[in-house]
Amino acid sequence: MVFPLPDKYIDLLTDFGFKRVFGTEPNKALLIDFLNTLLPPHHQLKNVTFKNPEFLGNTLVDRRAIFDIYCQSETGERFIVEMQKAKQNLFKDRSVYYSTFPIQEQAEQGFWNYELTAVYTVGILDFVFDDHKHESELLHVVELKNQHCEVFYDKLKFIYVELPKFSKSLDELESHFDKWLFLFKHLAQLNEPPLPLQEDVFAQLFDVAEIANFSSREQALYQDSLKVYRDMYNVTQTLIDETLEQGIEQGRQQGIKQGRAEGRQEEKQQIAKQMKAAGLPAQDIAQYTGLTIDEIDRL
């Protein structure tokens, strides 16, 4: 049985909400509009084609990669778009690893001159990088540069947005990018489109995101996704507090580094248990937590 939700609009930080708004063919104009706020002028998008978000390695022993959204522009540029809800160890390493799949995909059989089209990895993060937590800058654009800080290769870019750092109110929104970030954080709290967000593209967003327009099955899927997101958030916050206390005590006895490592592992396992209890596939749980499939099966 599906119970009505008190919110009028979906939360874009849920897995269901993010993929419904940005990862479906009828709504790809929303993805294009958002990505264009992040991309340089020479790679502004007019249209995209969604591609299979699951990659298998070249051999049976290779790991596979599953992206939230994977698409390609008319001129060949490839875009990985990920919503990362929980802080994950080695997240930057995972981003680099993921970027290698769209690069290898471009290889051609027979004679090939190795010419590549650009690959972008875009991460919408519901957490703050540890090495940037004391900085106000929330948008990070990473490129390959040489020792003189000159761009060495301009076809591989990593773009990260740290949402927790965005704190502007409606009256303070200045750019189209600001408006998108406000909606990422506050769409589910709105009862109607506010005046600063009454633009054509956002009119489509509000229509797509209105829960009353969902089928019973879609409402059930969204409720499941929302429960996982809230459980994961609550568990994460609780475990962060507990881990800090335990880490301090363990740090006195065994060293702070070991205490933090054990706390992080316990945190990931607790989150995985919550997600497993909610019925999420092991592959999705692995993506969110960084645990292996075997580790999740043993929980």
Foldseek 3Di string as FASTA:
>chain_A
DFDDDPFQFAQCLFLLNVCLQCPDDVRVVLVLVQVQVVDDPVPRADDKDWDQQKADDPDPPDDIGGASTWIAGPVGEIEGEHEFEDDEPCPVVVQVVVQVVSLVVPDDPDDDPSDHAAYEYEYEYQADDPVCPVPLDFWDKDADADPVRHGPDDRYIYIYGHLVSLDDDPVRDDDPNNVVSCCNVCVRVDPDDDPVQPDPSVVVVSVSGGPVPDDPVSSVVSVLRVQLSVVLVVLLVVLVVVLVVQLVVVCVVPNSVVSNVVSLVVSLLVSLVSNVVSPDDLVVSCVNRVDDSVSSVVD
